[in-house]
Amino acid sequence: MVAEFATPRLGPGLKVTAYTQTKKVITGHLNYAWRSEEHATAVRMFTGSPDLDRLQRALPDVEQLAHGVAIIGREPARAAS
C-alpha cells in the first residue's frame, strides 16, 4: 500500500506498507521516502518485523520518528589560513 506522507521538515514523501512471505513467515515492512531537490538527495527510513502485532503497536512511534527526520546541511569547508 502506498500513501502520501508529509513532514514539516522534509515536505511531501511516500509511505509504503508491504508484506513478504516465505514458506512459514510473513514479515511486515514500513518504508518512508522523501526527495530533497535543495540538497540533491533522497532520504529513506525503513523497518520491518515478522511480529506483525509488534510492528502495528510500534507504528505511532515510527511515525513520530519520521516526522522528526531532517536534513542537516554541512558547512562549507574553510580554506587553511
PDB file of N, CA and C in Angstrom:
ATOM      1  N   MET A   1       0.843  -1.155   0.000  1.00  0.00           N
ATOM      2  CA  MET A   1       0.000   0.000   0.000  1.00  0.00           C
ATOM      3  C   MET A   1       0.896   1.228   0.000  1.00  0.00           C
ATOM      4  N   VAL A   2       0.617   2.145  -0.883  1.00  0.00           N
ATOM      5  CA  VAL A   2       1.394   3.374  -0.996  1.00  0.00           C
ATOM      6  C   VAL A   2       0.492   4.549  -0.650  1.00  0.00           C
ATOM      7  N   ALA A   3       0.999   5.457   0.193  1.00  0.00           N
ATOM      8  CA  ALA A   3       0.245   6.640   0.573  1.00  0.00           C
ATOM      9  C   ALA A   3       1.194   7.832   0.624  1.00  0.00           C
ATOM     10  N   GLU A   4       0.660   9.006   0.345  1.00  0.00           N
ATOM     11  CA  GLU A   4       1.455  10.214   0.509  1.00  0.00           C
ATOM     12  C   GLU A   4       1.654  10.451   1.998  1.00  0.00           C
ATOM     13  N   PHE A   5       2.835  10.960   2.356  1.00  0.00           N
ATOM     14  CA  PHE A   5       3.186  11.174   3.752  1.00  0.00           C
ATOM     15  C   PHE A   5       4.057  12.416   3.811  1.00  0.00           C
ATOM     16  N   ALA A   6       3.597  13.451   4.481  1.00  0.00           N
ATOM     17  CA  ALA A   6       4.359  14.695   4.539  1.00  0.00           C
ATOM     18  C   ALA A   6       4.844  14.961   5.955  1.00  0.00           C
ATOM     19  N   THR A   7       5.996  15.595   6.040  1.00  0.00           N
ATOM     20  CA  THR A   7       6.537  16.004   7.336  1.00  0.00           C
ATOM     21  C   THR A   7       6.898  17.483   7.254  1.00  0.00           C
ATOM     22  N   PRO A   8       6.938  18.156   8.410  1.00  0.00           N
ATOM     23  CA  PRO A   8       7.239  19.586   8.402  1.00  0.00           C
ATOM     24  C   PRO A   8       8.612  19.918   7.829  1.00  0.00           C
ATOM     25  N   ARG A   9       9.604  19.068   8.076  1.00  0.00           N
ATOM     26  CA  ARG A   9      10.975  19.390   7.663  1.00  0.00           C
ATOM     27  C   ARG A   9      11.323  18.894   6.261  1.00  0.00           C
ATOM     28  N   LEU A  10      10.788  17.734   5.878  1.00  0.00           N
ATOM     29  CA  LEU A  10      11.147  17.164   4.576  1.00  0.00           C
ATOM     30  C   LEU A  10      10.072  17.363   3.516  1.00  0.00           C
ATOM     31  N   GLY A  11       8.891  17.795   3.931  1.00  0.00           N
ATOM     32  CA  GLY A  11       7.821  18.019   2.968  1.00  0.00           C
ATOM     33  C   GLY A  11       7.166  16.721   2.530  1.00  0.00           C
ATOM     34  N   PRO A  12       6.624  16.714   1.309  1.00  0.00           N
ATOM     35  CA  PRO A  12       5.885  15.541   0.848  1.00  0.00           C
ATOM     36  C   PRO A  12       6.806  14.360   0.552  1.00  0.00           C
ATOM     37  N   GLY A  13       6.289  13.191   0.844  1.00  0.00           N
ATOM     38  CA  GLY A  13       7.019  11.960   0.576  1.00  0.00           C
ATOM     39  C   GLY A  13       6.036  10.818   0.433  1.00  0.00           C
ATOM     40  N   LEU A  14       6.552   9.618   0.497  1.00  0.00           N
ATOM     41  CA  LEU A  14       5.709   8.430   0.365  1.00  0.00           C
ATOM     42  C   LEU A  14       5.913   7.501   1.551  1.00  0.00           C
ATOM     43  N   LYS A  15       4.826   6.857   1.939  1.00  0.00           N
ATOM     44  CA  LYS A  15       4.867   5.804   2.958  1.00  0.00           C
ATOM     45  C   LYS A  15       4.385   4.532   2.276  1.00  0.00           C
ATOM     46  N   VAL A  16       5.159   3.468   2.393  1.00  0.00           N
ATOM     47  CA  VAL A  16       4.795   2.191   1.800  1.00  0.00           C
ATOM     48  C   VAL A  16       4.705   1.141   2.897  1.00  0.00           C
ATOM     49  N   THR A  17       3.579   0.470   2.957  1.00  0.00           N
ATOM     50  CA  THR A  17       3.390  -0.663   3.848  1.00  0.00           C
ATOM     51  C   THR A  17       3.357  -1.904   2.967  1.00  0.00           C
ATOM     52  N   ALA A  18       4.227  -2.869   3.265  1.00  0.00           N
ATOM     53  CA  ALA A  18       4.328  -4.052   2.413  1.00  0.00           C
ATOM     54  C   ALA A  18       4.518  -5.289   3.281  1.00  0.00           C
ATOM     55  N   TYR A  19       4.248  -6.430   2.673  1.00  0.00           N
ATOM     56  CA  TYR A  19       4.406  -7.708   3.355  1.00  0.00           C
ATOM     57  C   TYR A  19       5.121  -8.670   2.417  1.00  0.00           C
ATOM     58  N   THR A  20       6.036  -9.464   2.993  1.00  0.00           N
ATOM     59  CA  THR A  20       6.672 -10.531   2.228  1.00  0.00           C
ATOM     60  C   THR A  20       6.381 -11.841   2.949  1.00  0.00           C
ATOM     61  N   GLN A  21       6.381 -12.915   2.198  1.00  0.00           N
ATOM     62  CA  GLN A  21       6.074 -14.206   2.797  1.00  0.00           C
ATOM     63  C   GLN A  21       7.058 -15.253   2.316  1.00  0.00           C
ATOM     64  N   THR A  22       7.610 -15.980   3.262  1.00  0.00           N
ATOM     65  CA  THR A  22       8.367 -17.183   2.946  1.00  0.00           C
ATOM     66  C   THR A  22       7.419 -18.348   3.230  1.00  0.00           C
ATOM     67  N   LYS A  23       7.909 -19.541   3.204  1.00  0.00           N
ATOM     68  CA  LYS A  23       7.022 -20.691   3.421  1.00  0.00           C
ATOM     69  C   LYS A  23       6.293 -20.629   4.756  1.00  0.00           C
ATOM     70  N   LYS A  24       6.968 -20.127   5.805  1.00  0.00           N
ATOM     71  CA  LYS A  24       6.373 -20.157   7.143  1.00  0.00           C
ATOM     72  C   LYS A  24       6.170 -18.789   7.784  1.00  0.00           C
ATOM     73  N   VAL A  25       6.765 -17.735   7.235  1.00  0.00           N
ATOM     74  CA  VAL A  25       6.767 -16.443   7.930  1.00  0.00           C
ATOM     75  C   VAL A  25       6.284 -15.322   7.015  1.00  0.00           C
ATOM     76  N   ILE A  26       5.405 -14.490   7.566  1.00  0.00           N
ATOM     77  CA  ILE A  26       5.007 -13.245   6.904  1.00  0.00           C
ATOM     78  C   ILE A  26       5.707 -12.114   7.646  1.00  0.00           C
ATOM     79  N   THR A  27       6.386 -11.255   6.914  1.00  0.00           N
ATOM     80  CA  THR A  27       7.096 -10.126   7.503  1.00  0.00           C
ATOM     81  C   THR A  27       6.457  -8.834   7.016  1.00  0.00           C
ATOM     82  N   GLY A  28       6.209  -7.918   7.947  1.00  0.00           N
ATOM     83  CA  GLY A  28       5.679  -6.599   7.596  1.00  0.00           C
ATOM     84  C   GLY A  28       6.812  -5.607   7.439  1.00  0.00           C
ATOM     85  N   HIS A  29       6.655  -4.678   6.502  1.00  0.00           N
ATOM     86  CA  HIS A  29       7.678  -3.670   6.218  1.00  0.00           C
ATOM     87  C   HIS A  29       7.032  -2.292   6.175  1.00  0.00           C
ATOM     88  N   LEU A  30       7.690  -1.308   6.777  1.00  0.00           N
ATOM     89  CA  LEU A  30       7.286   0.086   6.680  1.00  0.00           C
ATOM     90  C   LEU A  30       8.423   0.845   6.020  1.00  0.00           C
ATOM     91  N   ASN A  31       8.121   1.597   4.982  1.00  0.00           N
ATOM     92  CA  ASN A  31       9.124   2.377   4.261  1.00  0.00           C
ATOM     93  C   ASN A  31       8.625   3.803   4.112  1.00  0.00           C
ATOM     94  N   TYR A  32       9.500   4.757   4.371  1.00  0.00           N
ATOM     95  CA  TYR A  32       9.195   6.172   4.183  1.00  0.00           C
ATOM     96  C   TYR A  32      10.287   6.736   3.279  1.00  0.00           C
ATOM     97  N   ALA A  33       9.912   7.576   2.328  1.00  0.00           N
ATOM     98  CA  ALA A  33      10.912   8.135   1.410  1.00  0.00           C
ATOM     99  C   ALA A  33      10.546   9.566   1.039  1.00  0.00           C
ATOM    100  N   TRP A  34      11.560  10.403   0.977  1.00  0.00           N
ATOM    101  CA  TRP A  34      11.400  11.795   0.586  1.00  0.00           C
ATOM    102  C   TRP A  34      12.512  12.153  -0.397  1.00  0.00           C
ATOM    103  N   ARG A  35      12.265  13.130  -1.226  1.00  0.00           N
ATOM    104  CA  ARG A  35      13.277  13.657  -2.159  1.00  0.00           C
ATOM    105  C   ARG A  35      13.500  15.119  -1.823  1.00  0.00           C
ATOM    106  N   SER A  36      14.751  15.521  -1.654  1.00  0.00           N
ATOM    107  CA  SER A  36      15.093  16.920  -1.403  1.00  0.00           C
ATOM    108  C   SER A  36      15.857  17.463  -2.598  1.00  0.00           C
ATOM    109  N   GLU A  37      15.187  18.279  -3.368  1.00  0.00           N
ATOM    110  CA  GLU A  37      15.870  18.916  -4.502  1.00  0.00           C
ATOM    111  C   GLU A  37      16.911  19.909  -3.991  1.00  0.00           C
ATOM    112  N   GLU A  38      16.584  20.584  -2.888  1.00  0.00           N
ATOM    113  CA  GLU A  38      17.507  21.571  -2.310  1.00  0.00           C
ATOM    114  C   GLU A  38      18.854  20.944  -1.966  1.00  0.00           C
ATOM    115  N   HIS A  39      18.836  19.732  -1.449  1.00  0.00           N
ATOM    116  CA  HIS A  39      20.067  19.045  -1.055  1.00  0.00           C
ATOM    117  C   HIS A  39      20.507  17.987  -2.076  1.00  0.00           C
ATOM    118  N   ALA A  40      19.780  17.891  -3.174  1.00  0.00           N
ATOM    119  CA  ALA A  40      20.084  16.919  -4.237  1.00  0.00           C
ATOM    120  C   ALA A  40      20.278  15.520  -3.664  1.00  0.00           C
ATOM    121  N   THR A  41      19.315  15.107  -2.853  1.00  0.00           N
ATOM    122  CA  THR A  41      19.426  13.801  -2.217  1.00  0.00           C
ATOM    123  C   THR A  41      18.050  13.198  -1.956  1.00  0.00           C
ATOM    124  N   ALA A  42      18.045  11.937  -1.643  1.00  0.00           N
ATOM    125  CA  ALA A  42      16.823  11.243  -1.233  1.00  0.00           C
ATOM    126  C   ALA A  42      17.051  10.708   0.176  1.00  0.00           C
ATOM    127  N   VAL A  43      15.987  10.645   0.955  1.00  0.00           N
ATOM    128  CA  VAL A  43      16.041  10.125   2.314  1.00  0.00           C
ATOM    129  C   VAL A  43      15.078   8.952   2.393  1.00  0.00           C
ATOM    130  N   ARG A  44      15.547   7.865   2.976  1.00  0.00           N
ATOM    131  CA  ARG A  44      14.689   6.689   3.161  1.00  0.00           C
ATOM    132  C   ARG A  44      14.833   6.200   4.590  1.00  0.00           C
ATOM    133  N   MET A  45      13.701   5.925   5.205  1.00  0.00           N
ATOM    134  CA  MET A  45      13.667   5.359   6.540  1.00  0.00           C
ATOM    135  C   MET A  45      12.829   4.092   6.451  1.00  0.00           C
ATOM    136  N   PHE A  46      13.316   2.992   7.007  1.00  0.00           N
ATOM    137  CA  PHE A  46      12.561   1.752   6.873  1.00  0.00           C
ATOM    138  C   PHE A  46      12.751   0.858   8.083  1.00  0.00           C
ATOM    139  N   THR A  47      11.789  -0.017   8.292  1.00  0.00           N
ATOM    140  CA  THR A  47      11.854  -1.022   9.333  1.00  0.00           C
ATOM    141  C   THR A  47      10.979  -2.199   8.934  1.00  0.00           C
ATOM    142  N   GLY A  48      11.138  -3.293   9.616  1.00  0.00           N
ATOM    143  CA  GLY A  48      10.314  -4.462   9.329  1.00  0.00           C
ATOM    144  C   GLY A  48      10.378  -5.446  10.472  1.00  0.00           C
ATOM    145  N   SER A  49       9.391  -6.335  10.529  1.00  0.00           N
ATOM    146  CA  SER A  49       9.364  -7.344  11.581  1.00  0.00           C
ATOM    147  C   SER A  49       8.441  -8.485  11.195  1.00  0.00           C
ATOM    148  N   PRO A  50       8.798  -9.700  11.566  1.00  0.00           N
ATOM    149  CA  PRO A  50       7.877 -10.818  11.359  1.00  0.00           C
ATOM    150  C   PRO A  50       6.783 -10.846  12.444  1.00  0.00           C
ATOM    151  N   ASP A  51       6.948 -10.035  13.489  1.00  0.00           N
ATOM    152  CA  ASP A  51       5.938  -9.920  14.544  1.00  0.00           C
ATOM    153  C   ASP A  51       4.988  -8.788  14.144  1.00  0.00           C
ATOM    154  N   LEU A  52       3.950  -9.123  13.388  1.00  0.00           N
ATOM    155  CA  LEU A  52       3.061  -8.105  12.823  1.00  0.00           C
ATOM    156  C   LEU A  52       2.334  -7.301  13.899  1.00  0.00           C
ATOM    157  N   ASP A  53       1.991  -7.931  15.012  1.00  0.00           N
ATOM    158  CA  ASP A  53       1.337  -7.211  16.103  1.00  0.00           C
ATOM    159  C   ASP A  53       2.285  -6.169  16.696  1.00  0.00           C
ATOM    160  N   ARG A  54       3.517  -6.561  16.892  1.00  0.00           N
ATOM    161  CA  ARG A  54       4.517  -5.629  17.431  1.00  0.00           C
ATOM    162  C   ARG A  54       4.752  -4.464  16.471  1.00  0.00           C
ATOM    163  N   LEU A  55       4.828  -4.749  15.189  1.00  0.00           N
ATOM    164  CA  LEU A  55       5.020  -3.699  14.192  1.00  0.00           C
ATOM    165  C   LEU A  55       3.842  -2.724  14.217  1.00  0.00           C
ATOM    166  N   GLN A  56       2.640  -3.247  14.348  1.00  0.00           N
ATOM    167  CA  GLN A  56       1.446  -2.401  14.416  1.00  0.00           C
ATOM    168  C   GLN A  56       1.466  -1.523  15.666  1.00  0.00           C
ATOM    169  N   ARG A  57       1.872  -2.085  16.784  1.00  0.00           N
ATOM    170  CA  ARG A  57       1.944  -1.311  18.031  1.00  0.00           C
ATOM    171  C   ARG A  57       3.024  -0.233  17.954  1.00  0.00           C
ATOM    172  N   ALA A  58       4.082  -0.492  17.207  1.00  0.00           N
ATOM    173  CA  ALA A  58       5.185   0.466  17.074  1.00  0.00           C
ATOM    174  C   ALA A  58       4.881   1.586  16.086  1.00  0.00           C
ATOM    175  N   LEU A  59       3.843   1.418  15.281  1.00  0.00           N
ATOM    176  CA  LEU A  59       3.549   2.386  14.219  1.00  0.00           C
ATOM    177  C   LEU A  59       3.482   3.828  14.708  1.00  0.00           C
ATOM    178  N   PRO A  60       2.791   4.159  15.799  1.00  0.00           N
ATOM    179  CA  PRO A  60       2.780   5.565  16.239  1.00  0.00           C
ATOM    180  C   PRO A  60       4.175   6.106  16.540  1.00  0.00           C
ATOM    181  N   ASP A  61       5.032   5.291  17.150  1.00  0.00           N
ATOM    182  CA  ASP A  61       6.396   5.736  17.449  1.00  0.00           C
ATOM    183  C   ASP A  61       7.220   5.895  16.176  1.00  0.00           C
ATOM    184  N   VAL A  62       7.047   4.980  15.234  1.00  0.00           N
ATOM    185  CA  VAL A  62       7.780   5.063  13.962  1.00  0.00           C
ATOM    186  C   VAL A  62       7.339   6.319  13.214  1.00  0.00           C
ATOM    187  N   GLU A  63       6.047   6.599  13.203  1.00  0.00           N
ATOM    188  CA  GLU A  63       5.572   7.804  12.509  1.00  0.00           C
ATOM    189  C   GLU A  63       6.054   9.065  13.212  1.00  0.00           C
ATOM    190  N   GLN A  64       6.113   9.060  14.539  1.00  0.00           N
ATOM    191  CA  GLN A  64       6.651  10.219  15.265  1.00  0.00           C
ATOM    192  C   GLN A  64       8.113  10.438  14.888  1.00  0.00           C
ATOM    193  N   LEU A  65       8.877   9.357  14.797  1.00  0.00           N
ATOM    194  CA  LEU A  65      10.271   9.460  14.369  1.00  0.00           C
ATOM    195  C   LEU A  65      10.350  10.026  12.949  1.00  0.00           C
ATOM    196  N   ALA A  66       9.513   9.524  12.048  1.00  0.00           N
ATOM    197  CA  ALA A  66       9.518  10.003  10.660  1.00  0.00           C
ATOM    198  C   ALA A  66       9.240  11.503  10.601  1.00  0.00           C
ATOM    199  N   HIS A  67       8.344  11.984  11.445  1.00  0.00           N
ATOM    200  CA  HIS A  67       8.027  13.421  11.461  1.00  0.00           C
ATOM    201  C   HIS A  67       9.192  14.263  11.971  1.00  0.00           C
ATOM    202  N   GLY A  68      10.121  13.650  12.695  1.00  0.00           N
ATOM    203  CA  GLY A  68      11.262  14.381  13.220  1.00  0.00           C
ATOM    204  C   GLY A  68      12.503  14.339  12.348  1.00  0.00           C
ATOM    205  N   VAL A  69      12.489  13.542  11.289  1.00  0.00           N
ATOM    206  CA  VAL A  69      13.669  13.417  10.424  1.00  0.00           C
ATOM    207  C   VAL A  69      13.916  14.732   9.688  1.00  0.00           C
ATOM    208  N   ALA A  70      15.176  15.133   9.627  1.00  0.00           N
ATOM    209  CA  ALA A  70      15.550  16.370   8.946  1.00  0.00           C
ATOM    210  C   ALA A  70      16.917  16.195   8.297  1.00  0.00           C
ATOM    211  N   ILE A  71      17.162  16.973   7.280  1.00  0.00           N
ATOM    212  CA  ILE A  71      18.492  17.024   6.651  1.00  0.00           C
ATOM    213  C   ILE A  71      19.232  18.199   7.273  1.00  0.00           C
ATOM    214  N   ILE A  72      20.411  17.942   7.783  1.00  0.00           N
ATOM    215  CA  ILE A  72      21.229  18.995   8.347  1.00  0.00           C
ATOM    216  C   ILE A  72      22.394  19.201   7.391  1.00  0.00           C
ATOM    217  N   GLY A  73      22.424  20.352   6.758  1.00  0.00           N
ATOM    218  CA  GLY A  73      23.461  20.633   5.781  1.00  0.00           C
ATOM    219  C   GLY A  73      24.824  20.827   6.435  1.00  0.00           C
ATOM    220  N   ARG A  74      25.841  20.530   5.685  1.00  0.00           N
ATOM    221  CA  ARG A  74      27.197  20.745   6.148  1.00  0.00           C
ATOM    222  C   ARG A  74      27.612  22.173   5.880  1.00  0.00           C
ATOM    223  N   GLU A  75      28.463  22.673   6.755  1.00  0.00           N
ATOM    224  CA  GLU A  75      29.036  23.997   6.500  1.00  0.00           C
ATOM    225  C   GLU A  75      30.147  23.812   5.464  1.00  0.00           C
ATOM    226  N   PRO A  76      30.284  24.755   4.568  1.00  0.00           N
ATOM    227  CA  PRO A  76      31.360  24.640   3.575  1.00  0.00           C
ATOM    228  C   PRO A  76      32.733  24.569   4.266  1.00  0.00           C
ATOM    229  N   ALA A  77      33.634  23.796   3.697  1.00  0.00           N
ATOM    230  CA  ALA A  77      34.991  23.692   4.252  1.00  0.00           C
ATOM    231  C   ALA A  77      35.682  25.029   4.135  1.00  0.00           C
ATOM    232  N   ARG A  78      36.413  25.374   5.181  1.00  0.00           N
ATOM    233  CA  ARG A  78      37.146  26.650   5.179  1.00  0.00           C
ATOM    234  C   ARG A  78      38.571  26.407   4.702  1.00  0.00           C
ATOM    235  N   ALA A  79      39.087  27.350   3.953  1.00  0.00           N
ATOM    236  CA  ALA A  79      40.469  27.261   3.477  1.00  0.00           C
ATOM    237  C   ALA A  79      41.425  27.474   4.651  1.00  0.00           C
ATOM    238  N   ALA A  80      42.529  26.767   4.644  1.00  0.00           N
ATOM    239  CA  ALA A  80      43.534  26.918   5.707  1.00  0.00           C
ATOM    240  C   ALA A  80      44.115  28.316   5.655  1.00  0.00           C
ATOM    241  N   SER A  81      44.366  28.904   6.826  1.00  0.00           N
ATOM    242  CA  SER A  81      44.932  30.258   6.882  1.00  0.00           C
ATOM    243  C   SER A  81      46.422  30.243   6.822  1.00  0.00           C
TER     244      SER A  81
END
